[in-house]
Amino acid sequence: MKRLLICLILLLSSTWVYADPNIALLASSCAGCHGTNGYSKGEMPKLAGLQPDYFIQQMQAFANGERESSVMRHHAPAYTETEIRLLAEYFSTR
């Protein structure tokens, strides 16, 4: 019984660890174009400080082809809805 309980705890804890992606790591993939933490210093749009709803709308528009972009049309569809929402919250607080 004790062994079963330990196995169950380990199983549930490992599921919990992987349930929420590392948002800082996920956001770091945006830095190549949009700057560290979304502070773009070039022509790319700044992501830092964007309202979450606006960020989500734009990512959905890229993903479904409503908004044109040679780069984002490839990146946006790869994110899950949860990842997009987490990124929106992350960048809104930068």
PDB file of N, CA and C in Angstrom:
ATOM      1  N   MET A   1       0.817  -1.193   0.000  1.00  0.00           N
ATOM      2  CA  MET A   1       0.000   0.000   0.000  1.00  0.00           C
ATOM      3  C   MET A   1       0.862   1.259   0.000  1.00  0.00           C
ATOM      4  N   LYS A   2       1.901   1.227   0.831  1.00  0.00           N
ATOM      5  CA  LYS A   2       2.800   2.367   0.919  1.00  0.00           C
ATOM      6  C   LYS A   2       3.485   2.614  -0.426  1.00  0.00           C
ATOM      7  N   ARG A   3       3.910   1.553  -1.079  1.00  0.00           N
ATOM      8  CA  ARG A   3       4.572   1.652  -2.377  1.00  0.00           C
ATOM      9  C   ARG A   3       3.618   2.234  -3.426  1.00  0.00           C
ATOM     10  N   LEU A   4       2.362   1.819  -3.404  1.00  0.00           N
ATOM     11  CA  LEU A   4       1.352   2.327  -4.321  1.00  0.00           C
ATOM     12  C   LEU A   4       1.126   3.825  -4.103  1.00  0.00           C
ATOM     13  N   LEU A   5       1.066   4.222  -2.857  1.00  0.00           N
ATOM     14  CA  LEU A   5       0.871   5.631  -2.522  1.00  0.00           C
ATOM     15  C   LEU A   5       2.051   6.473  -3.017  1.00  0.00           C
ATOM     16  N   ILE A   6       3.259   5.992  -2.836  1.00  0.00           N
ATOM     17  CA  ILE A   6       4.448   6.701  -3.306  1.00  0.00           C
ATOM     18  C   ILE A   6       4.434   6.818  -4.827  1.00  0.00           C
ATOM     19  N   CYS A   7       4.092   5.747  -5.507  1.00  0.00           N
ATOM     20  CA  CYS A   7       4.019   5.777  -6.970  1.00  0.00           C
ATOM     21  C   CYS A   7       2.964   6.768  -7.449  1.00  0.00           C
ATOM     22  N   LEU A   8       1.835   6.798  -6.775  1.00  0.00           N
ATOM     23  CA  LEU A   8       0.762   7.723  -7.137  1.00  0.00           C
ATOM     24  C   LEU A   8       1.204   9.177  -6.934  1.00  0.00           C
ATOM     25  N   ILE A   9       1.859   9.451  -5.836  1.00  0.00           N
ATOM     26  CA  ILE A   9       2.356  10.805  -5.566  1.00  0.00           C
ATOM     27  C   ILE A   9       3.371  11.217  -6.621  1.00  0.00           C
ATOM     28  N   LEU A  10       4.288  10.346  -6.954  1.00  0.00           N
ATOM     29  CA  LEU A  10       5.285  10.659  -7.983  1.00  0.00           C
ATOM     30  C   LEU A  10       4.636  10.894  -9.340  1.00  0.00           C
ATOM     31  N   LEU A  11       3.673  10.093  -9.676  1.00  0.00           N
ATOM     32  CA  LEU A  11       2.980  10.244 -10.946  1.00  0.00           C
ATOM     33  C   LEU A  11       2.248  11.584 -11.013  1.00  0.00           C
ATOM     34  N   LEU A  12       1.513  11.913  -9.972  1.00  0.00           N
ATOM     35  CA  LEU A  12       0.764  13.173  -9.949  1.00  0.00           C
ATOM     36  C   LEU A  12       1.690  14.380  -9.911  1.00  0.00           C
ATOM     37  N   SER A  13       2.787  14.298  -9.177  1.00  0.00           N
ATOM     38  CA  SER A  13       3.690  15.439  -9.094  1.00  0.00           C
ATOM     39  C   SER A  13       4.403  15.662 -10.419  1.00  0.00           C
ATOM     40  N   SER A  14       4.760  14.611 -11.138  1.00  0.00           N
ATOM     41  CA  SER A  14       5.416  14.790 -12.429  1.00  0.00           C
ATOM     42  C   SER A  14       4.443  15.351 -13.456  1.00  0.00           C
ATOM     43  N   THR A  15       3.172  14.989 -13.370  1.00  0.00           N
ATOM     44  CA  THR A  15       2.158  15.551 -14.263  1.00  0.00           C
ATOM     45  C   THR A  15       1.980  17.030 -13.973  1.00  0.00           C
ATOM     46  N   TRP A  16       1.969  17.401 -12.713  1.00  0.00           N
ATOM     47  CA  TRP A  16       1.810  18.794 -12.327  1.00  0.00           C
ATOM     48  C   TRP A  16       2.979  19.633 -12.819  1.00  0.00           C
ATOM     49  N   VAL A  17       4.182  19.129 -12.731  1.00  0.00           N
ATOM     50  CA  VAL A  17       5.367  19.872 -13.167  1.00  0.00           C
ATOM     51  C   VAL A  17       5.279  20.190 -14.655  1.00  0.00           C
ATOM     52  N   TYR A  18       4.809  19.269 -15.464  1.00  0.00           N
ATOM     53  CA  TYR A  18       4.769  19.484 -16.903  1.00  0.00           C
ATOM     54  C   TYR A  18       3.470  20.118 -17.387  1.00  0.00           C
ATOM     55  N   ALA A  19       2.519  20.342 -16.513  1.00  0.00           N
ATOM     56  CA  ALA A  19       1.238  20.908 -16.919  1.00  0.00           C
ATOM     57  C   ALA A  19       1.348  22.378 -17.287  1.00  0.00           C
ATOM     58  N   ASP A  20       2.242  23.114 -16.648  1.00  0.00           N
ATOM     59  CA  ASP A  20       2.385  24.539 -16.891  1.00  0.00           C
ATOM     60  C   ASP A  20       3.758  24.793 -17.522  1.00  0.00           C
ATOM     61  N   PRO A  21       3.802  25.220 -18.780  1.00  0.00           N
ATOM     62  CA  PRO A  21       5.093  25.422 -19.425  1.00  0.00           C
ATOM     63  C   PRO A  21       5.872  26.554 -18.768  1.00  0.00           C
ATOM     64  N   ASN A  22       7.170  26.531 -18.909  1.00  0.00           N
ATOM     65  CA  ASN A  22       8.020  27.597 -18.399  1.00  0.00           C
ATOM     66  C   ASN A  22       7.821  28.806 -19.302  1.00  0.00           C
ATOM     67  N   ILE A  23       7.038  29.765 -18.848  1.00  0.00           N
ATOM     68  CA  ILE A  23       6.646  30.883 -19.686  1.00  0.00           C
ATOM     69  C   ILE A  23       7.834  31.782 -20.035  1.00  0.00           C
ATOM     70  N   ALA A  24       8.778  31.953 -19.132  1.00  0.00           N
ATOM     71  CA  ALA A  24       9.951  32.772 -19.445  1.00  0.00           C
ATOM     72  C   ALA A  24      10.767  32.134 -20.570  1.00  0.00           C
ATOM     73  N   LEU A  25      10.891  30.826 -20.533  1.00  0.00           N
ATOM     74  CA  LEU A  25      11.598  30.122 -21.598  1.00  0.00           C
ATOM     75  C   LEU A  25      10.837  30.228 -22.908  1.00  0.00           C
ATOM     76  N   LEU A  26       9.531  30.069 -22.848  1.00  0.00           N
ATOM     77  CA  LEU A  26       8.694  30.193 -24.032  1.00  0.00           C
ATOM     78  C   LEU A  26       8.805  31.601 -24.627  1.00  0.00           C
ATOM     79  N   ALA A  27       8.762  32.609 -23.778  1.00  0.00           N
ATOM     80  CA  ALA A  27       8.848  34.002 -24.231  1.00  0.00           C
ATOM     81  C   ALA A  27      10.228  34.330 -24.793  1.00  0.00           C
ATOM     82  N   SER A  28      11.249  33.627 -24.335  1.00  0.00           N
ATOM     83  CA  SER A  28      12.603  33.913 -24.828  1.00  0.00           C
ATOM     84  C   SER A  28      12.740  33.614 -26.319  1.00  0.00           C
ATOM     85  N   SER A  29      11.882  32.753 -26.850  1.00  0.00           N
ATOM     86  CA  SER A  29      11.944  32.470 -28.290  1.00  0.00           C
ATOM     87  C   SER A  29      11.482  33.672 -29.114  1.00  0.00           C
ATOM     88  N   CYS A  30      10.796  34.611 -28.490  1.00  0.00           N
ATOM     89  CA  CYS A  30      10.331  35.826 -29.183  1.00  0.00           C
ATOM     90  C   CYS A  30      11.423  36.888 -29.222  1.00  0.00           C
ATOM     91  N   ALA A  31      12.439  36.740 -28.375  1.00  0.00           N
ATOM     92  CA  ALA A  31      13.468  37.771 -28.212  1.00  0.00           C
ATOM     93  C   ALA A  31      14.291  38.023 -29.468  1.00  0.00           C
ATOM     94  N   GLY A  32      14.457  37.017 -30.294  1.00  0.00           N
ATOM     95  CA  GLY A  32      15.260  37.189 -31.497  1.00  0.00           C
ATOM     96  C   GLY A  32      14.769  38.326 -32.381  1.00  0.00           C
ATOM     97  N   CYS A  33      13.470  38.511 -32.429  1.00  0.00           N
ATOM     98  CA  CYS A  33      12.885  39.587 -33.251  1.00  0.00           C
ATOM     99  C   CYS A  33      12.330  40.731 -32.414  1.00  0.00           C
ATOM    100  N   HIS A  34      11.728  40.398 -31.268  1.00  0.00           N
ATOM    101  CA  HIS A  34      10.998  41.399 -30.480  1.00  0.00           C
ATOM    102  C   HIS A  34      11.772  41.899 -29.272  1.00  0.00           C
ATOM    103  N   GLY A  35      13.030  41.474 -29.122  1.00  0.00           N
ATOM    104  CA  GLY A  35      13.860  41.941 -28.019  1.00  0.00           C
ATOM    105  C   GLY A  35      13.614  41.188 -26.728  1.00  0.00           C
ATOM    106  N   THR A  36      14.581  41.279 -25.830  1.00  0.00           N
ATOM    107  CA  THR A  36      14.475  40.630 -24.539  1.00  0.00           C
ATOM    108  C   THR A  36      13.258  41.153 -23.793  1.00  0.00           C
ATOM    109  N   ASN A  37      12.438  40.250 -23.310  1.00  0.00           N
ATOM    110  CA  ASN A  37      11.198  40.575 -22.593  1.00  0.00           C
ATOM    111  C   ASN A  37      10.256  41.452 -23.412  1.00  0.00           C
ATOM    112  N   GLY A  38      10.397  41.400 -24.733  1.00  0.00           N
ATOM    113  CA  GLY A  38       9.472  42.128 -25.605  1.00  0.00           C
ATOM    114  C   GLY A  38       9.821  43.574 -25.850  1.00  0.00           C
ATOM    115  N   TYR A  39      11.016  44.005 -25.434  1.00  0.00           N
ATOM    116  CA  TYR A  39      11.444  45.391 -25.647  1.00  0.00           C
ATOM    117  C   TYR A  39      12.221  45.501 -26.955  1.00  0.00           C
ATOM    118  N   SER A  40      11.505  45.628 -28.044  1.00  0.00           N
ATOM    119  CA  SER A  40      12.107  45.730 -29.362  1.00  0.00           C
ATOM    120  C   SER A  40      12.835  47.064 -29.500  1.00  0.00           C
ATOM    121  N   LYS A  41      14.016  47.015 -30.095  1.00  0.00           N
ATOM    122  CA  LYS A  41      14.786  48.234 -30.325  1.00  0.00           C
ATOM    123  C   LYS A  41      14.872  48.561 -31.805  1.00  0.00           C
ATOM    124  N   GLY A  42      14.200  47.779 -32.613  1.00  0.00           N
ATOM    125  CA  GLY A  42      14.245  47.981 -34.056  1.00  0.00           C
ATOM    126  C   GLY A  42      12.862  48.229 -34.607  1.00  0.00           C
ATOM    127  N   GLU A  43      12.654  47.723 -35.801  1.00  0.00           N
ATOM    128  CA  GLU A  43      11.379  47.927 -36.484  1.00  0.00           C
ATOM    129  C   GLU A  43      10.280  46.966 -36.025  1.00  0.00           C
ATOM    130  N   MET A  44      10.660  45.890 -35.369  1.00  0.00           N
ATOM    131  CA  MET A  44       9.660  44.911 -34.919  1.00  0.00           C
ATOM    132  C   MET A  44       8.784  45.510 -33.828  1.00  0.00           C
ATOM    133  N   PRO A  45       7.527  45.124 -33.796  1.00  0.00           N
ATOM    134  CA  PRO A  45       6.636  45.637 -32.753  1.00  0.00           C
ATOM    135  C   PRO A  45       7.118  45.258 -31.353  1.00  0.00           C
ATOM    136  N   LYS A  46       6.933  46.181 -30.433  1.00  0.00           N
ATOM    137  CA  LYS A  46       7.253  45.948 -29.030  1.00  0.00           C
ATOM    138  C   LYS A  46       6.120  45.119 -28.427  1.00  0.00           C
ATOM    139  N   LEU A  47       6.453  44.053 -27.741  1.00  0.00           N
ATOM    140  CA  LEU A  47       5.453  43.208 -27.089  1.00  0.00           C
ATOM    141  C   LEU A  47       5.254  43.597 -25.631  1.00  0.00           C
ATOM    142  N   ALA A  48       6.287  44.159 -25.023  1.00  0.00           N
ATOM    143  CA  ALA A  48       6.213  44.547 -23.615  1.00  0.00           C
ATOM    144  C   ALA A  48       5.111  45.576 -23.409  1.00  0.00           C
ATOM    145  N   GLY A  49       4.265  45.321 -22.413  1.00  0.00           N
ATOM    146  CA  GLY A  49       3.217  46.262 -22.059  1.00  0.00           C
ATOM    147  C   GLY A  49       1.945  46.162 -22.868  1.00  0.00           C
ATOM    148  N   LEU A  50       1.888  45.256 -23.836  1.00  0.00           N
ATOM    149  CA  LEU A  50       0.649  45.106 -24.611  1.00  0.00           C
ATOM    150  C   LEU A  50      -0.472  44.574 -23.722  1.00  0.00           C
ATOM    151  N   GLN A  51      -1.669  45.023 -23.990  1.00  0.00           N
ATOM    152  CA  GLN A  51      -2.838  44.496 -23.294  1.00  0.00           C
ATOM    153  C   GLN A  51      -3.011  43.024 -23.694  1.00  0.00           C
ATOM    154  N   PRO A  52      -3.278  42.146 -22.738  1.00  0.00           N
ATOM    155  CA  PRO A  52      -3.414  40.720 -23.047  1.00  0.00           C
ATOM    156  C   PRO A  52      -4.424  40.415 -24.152  1.00  0.00           C
ATOM    157  N   ASP A  53      -5.581  41.063 -24.124  1.00  0.00           N
ATOM    158  CA  ASP A  53      -6.594  40.796 -25.152  1.00  0.00           C
ATOM    159  C   ASP A  53      -6.105  41.147 -26.544  1.00  0.00           C
ATOM    160  N   TYR A  54      -5.386  42.237 -26.657  1.00  0.00           N
ATOM    161  CA  TYR A  54      -4.843  42.651 -27.961  1.00  0.00           C
ATOM    162  C   TYR A  54      -3.809  41.631 -28.453  1.00  0.00           C
ATOM    163  N   PHE A  55      -2.913  41.221 -27.554  1.00  0.00           N
ATOM    164  CA  PHE A  55      -1.898  40.230 -27.906  1.00  0.00           C
ATOM    165  C   PHE A  55      -2.560  38.951 -28.408  1.00  0.00           C
ATOM    166  N   ILE A  56      -3.568  38.487 -27.678  1.00  0.00           N
ATOM    167  CA  ILE A  56      -4.273  37.255 -28.046  1.00  0.00           C
ATOM    168  C   ILE A  56      -4.947  37.404 -29.406  1.00  0.00           C
ATOM    169  N   GLN A  57      -5.618  38.518 -29.631  1.00  0.00           N
ATOM    170  CA  GLN A  57      -6.292  38.756 -30.916  1.00  0.00           C
ATOM    171  C   GLN A  57      -5.300  38.744 -32.076  1.00  0.00           C
ATOM    172  N   GLN A  58      -4.151  39.376 -31.872  1.00  0.00           N
ATOM    173  CA  GLN A  58      -3.157  39.433 -32.942  1.00  0.00           C
ATOM    174  C   GLN A  58      -2.562  38.059 -33.230  1.00  0.00           C
ATOM    175  N   MET A  59      -2.277  37.296 -32.182  1.00  0.00           N
ATOM    176  CA  MET A  59      -1.730  35.951 -32.382  1.00  0.00           C
ATOM    177  C   MET A  59      -2.743  35.056 -33.098  1.00  0.00           C
ATOM    178  N   GLN A  60      -4.015  35.186 -32.743  1.00  0.00           N
ATOM    179  CA  GLN A  60      -5.049  34.403 -33.421  1.00  0.00           C
ATOM    180  C   GLN A  60      -5.177  34.831 -34.876  1.00  0.00           C
ATOM    181  N   ALA A  61      -5.065  36.124 -35.144  1.00  0.00           N
ATOM    182  CA  ALA A  61      -5.148  36.620 -36.515  1.00  0.00           C
ATOM    183  C   ALA A  61      -3.975  36.102 -37.355  1.00  0.00           C
ATOM    184  N   PHE A  62      -2.778  36.051 -36.777  1.00  0.00           N
ATOM    185  CA  PHE A  62      -1.635  35.476 -37.490  1.00  0.00           C
ATOM    186  C   PHE A  62      -1.879  33.991 -37.765  1.00  0.00           C
ATOM    187  N   ALA A  63      -2.360  33.291 -36.744  1.00  0.00           N
ATOM    188  CA  ALA A  63      -2.546  31.844 -36.843  1.00  0.00           C
ATOM    189  C   ALA A  63      -3.576  31.459 -37.894  1.00  0.00           C
ATOM    190  N   ASN A  64      -4.660  32.241 -38.015  1.00  0.00           N
ATOM    191  CA  ASN A  64      -5.700  31.865 -38.979  1.00  0.00           C
ATOM    192  C   ASN A  64      -5.592  32.598 -40.312  1.00  0.00           C
ATOM    193  N   GLY A  65      -4.521  33.383 -40.487  1.00  0.00           N
ATOM    194  CA  GLY A  65      -4.273  34.031 -41.768  1.00  0.00           C
ATOM    195  C   GLY A  65      -4.984  35.358 -41.972  1.00  0.00           C
ATOM    196  N   GLU A  66      -5.686  35.861 -40.962  1.00  0.00           N
ATOM    197  CA  GLU A  66      -6.352  37.157 -41.082  1.00  0.00           C
ATOM    198  C   GLU A  66      -5.355  38.309 -41.119  1.00  0.00           C
ATOM    199  N   ARG A  67      -4.218  38.134 -40.467  1.00  0.00           N
ATOM    200  CA  ARG A  67      -3.168  39.153 -40.455  1.00  0.00           C
ATOM    201  C   ARG A  67      -1.952  38.576 -41.164  1.00  0.00           C
ATOM    202  N   GLU A  68      -1.454  39.307 -42.145  1.00  0.00           N
ATOM    203  CA  GLU A  68      -0.322  38.859 -42.942  1.00  0.00           C
ATOM    204  C   GLU A  68       1.006  39.088 -42.227  1.00  0.00           C
ATOM    205  N   SER A  69       1.888  38.145 -42.358  1.00  0.00           N
ATOM    206  CA  SER A  69       3.254  38.270 -41.862  1.00  0.00           C
ATOM    207  C   SER A  69       4.056  37.108 -42.414  1.00  0.00           C
ATOM    208  N   SER A  70       5.215  37.422 -42.954  1.00  0.00           N
ATOM    209  CA  SER A  70       6.039  36.354 -43.516  1.00  0.00           C
ATOM    210  C   SER A  70       6.616  35.447 -42.430  1.00  0.00           C
ATOM    211  N   VAL A  71       6.779  35.968 -41.228  1.00  0.00           N
ATOM    212  CA  VAL A  71       7.365  35.175 -40.145  1.00  0.00           C
ATOM    213  C   VAL A  71       6.297  34.648 -39.184  1.00  0.00           C
ATOM    214  N   MET A  72       5.431  35.539 -38.698  1.00  0.00           N
ATOM    215  CA  MET A  72       4.469  35.146 -37.671  1.00  0.00           C
ATOM    216  C   MET A  72       3.426  34.145 -38.169  1.00  0.00           C
ATOM    217  N   ARG A  73       3.173  34.108 -39.444  1.00  0.00           N
ATOM    218  CA  ARG A  73       2.207  33.112 -39.941  1.00  0.00           C
ATOM    219  C   ARG A  73       2.718  31.689 -39.716  1.00  0.00           C
ATOM    220  N   HIS A  74       4.043  31.554 -39.562  1.00  0.00           N
ATOM    221  CA  HIS A  74       4.627  30.238 -39.283  1.00  0.00           C
ATOM    222  C   HIS A  74       4.708  29.958 -37.780  1.00  0.00           C
ATOM    223  N   HIS A  75       4.950  30.998 -36.999  1.00  0.00           N
ATOM    224  CA  HIS A  75       5.129  30.810 -35.554  1.00  0.00           C
ATOM    225  C   HIS A  75       3.804  30.687 -34.801  1.00  0.00           C
ATOM    226  N   ALA A  76       2.871  31.574 -35.071  1.00  0.00           N
ATOM    227  CA  ALA A  76       1.631  31.647 -34.291  1.00  0.00           C
ATOM    228  C   ALA A  76       0.836  30.341 -34.249  1.00  0.00           C
ATOM    229  N   PRO A  77       0.683  29.624 -35.373  1.00  0.00           N
ATOM    230  CA  PRO A  77      -0.112  28.386 -35.309  1.00  0.00           C
ATOM    231  C   PRO A  77       0.517  27.295 -34.435  1.00  0.00           C
ATOM    232  N   ALA A  78       1.798  27.424 -34.134  1.00  0.00           N
ATOM    233  CA  ALA A  78       2.478  26.405 -33.333  1.00  0.00           C
ATOM    234  C   ALA A  78       2.172  26.517 -31.840  1.00  0.00           C
ATOM    235  N   TYR A  79       1.642  27.663 -31.416  1.00  0.00           N
ATOM    236  CA  TYR A  79       1.335  27.855 -29.996  1.00  0.00           C
ATOM    237  C   TYR A  79      -0.069  27.349 -29.673  1.00  0.00           C
ATOM    238  N   THR A  80      -0.212  26.769 -28.496  1.00  0.00           N
ATOM    239  CA  THR A  80      -1.535  26.371 -28.025  1.00  0.00           C
ATOM    240  C   THR A  80      -2.260  27.610 -27.506  1.00  0.00           C
ATOM    241  N   GLU A  81      -3.556  27.496 -27.320  1.00  0.00           N
ATOM    242  CA  GLU A  81      -4.334  28.610 -26.762  1.00  0.00           C
ATOM    243  C   GLU A  81      -3.806  28.986 -25.372  1.00  0.00           C
ATOM    244  N   THR A  82      -3.467  27.988 -24.587  1.00  0.00           N
ATOM    245  CA  THR A  82      -2.927  28.229 -23.249  1.00  0.00           C
ATOM    246  C   THR A  82      -1.603  28.965 -23.319  1.00  0.00           C
ATOM    247  N   GLU A  83      -0.727  28.552 -24.220  1.00  0.00           N
ATOM    248  CA  GLU A  83       0.565  29.223 -24.359  1.00  0.00           C
ATOM    249  C   GLU A  83       0.389  30.677 -24.796  1.00  0.00           C
ATOM    250  N   ILE A  84      -0.535  30.933 -25.700  1.00  0.00           N
ATOM    251  CA  ILE A  84      -0.789  32.303 -26.151  1.00  0.00           C
ATOM    252  C   ILE A  84      -1.284  33.151 -24.986  1.00  0.00           C
ATOM    253  N   ARG A  85      -2.181  32.618 -24.189  1.00  0.00           N
ATOM    254  CA  ARG A  85      -2.695  33.362 -23.026  1.00  0.00           C
ATOM    255  C   ARG A  85      -1.586  33.624 -22.003  1.00  0.00           C
ATOM    256  N   LEU A  86      -0.743  32.630 -21.773  1.00  0.00           N
ATOM    257  CA  LEU A  86       0.373  32.810 -20.848  1.00  0.00           C
ATOM    258  C   LEU A  86       1.356  33.853 -21.370  1.00  0.00           C
ATOM    259  N   LEU A  87       1.634  33.812 -22.672  1.00  0.00           N
ATOM    260  CA  LEU A  87       2.520  34.824 -23.269  1.00  0.00           C
ATOM    261  C   LEU A  87       1.903  36.212 -23.167  1.00  0.00           C
ATOM    262  N   ALA A  88       0.604  36.308 -23.389  1.00  0.00           N
ATOM    263  CA  ALA A  88      -0.084  37.604 -23.293  1.00  0.00           C
ATOM    264  C   ALA A  88       0.070  38.183 -21.891  1.00  0.00           C
ATOM    265  N   GLU A  89      -0.124  37.368 -20.877  1.00  0.00           N
ATOM    266  CA  GLU A  89       0.033  37.833 -19.497  1.00  0.00           C
ATOM    267  C   GLU A  89       1.479  38.205 -19.215  1.00  0.00           C
ATOM    268  N   TYR A  90       2.393  37.380 -19.675  1.00  0.00           N
ATOM    269  CA  TYR A  90       3.814  37.624 -19.443  1.00  0.00           C
ATOM    270  C   TYR A  90       4.241  38.973 -20.021  1.00  0.00           C
ATOM    271  N   PHE A  91       3.937  39.196 -21.292  1.00  0.00           N
ATOM    272  CA  PHE A  91       4.380  40.432 -21.932  1.00  0.00           C
ATOM    273  C   PHE A  91       3.636  41.664 -21.404  1.00  0.00           C
ATOM    274  N   SER A  92       2.416  41.492 -20.940  1.00  0.00           N
ATOM    275  CA  SER A  92       1.677  42.639 -20.403  1.00  0.00           C
ATOM    276  C   SER A  92       2.312  43.189 -19.130  1.00  0.00           C
ATOM    277  N   THR A  93       3.069  42.385 -18.435  1.00  0.00           N
ATOM    278  CA  THR A  93       3.686  42.822 -17.174  1.00  0.00           C
ATOM    279  C   THR A  93       5.133  43.254 -17.324  1.00  0.00           C
ATOM    280  N   ARG A  94       5.606  43.334 -18.523  1.00  0.00           N
ATOM    281  CA  ARG A  94       7.006  43.739 -18.740  1.00  0.00           C
ATOM    282  C   ARG A  94       7.091  45.221 -18.934  1.00  0.00           C
TER     283      ARG A  94
END
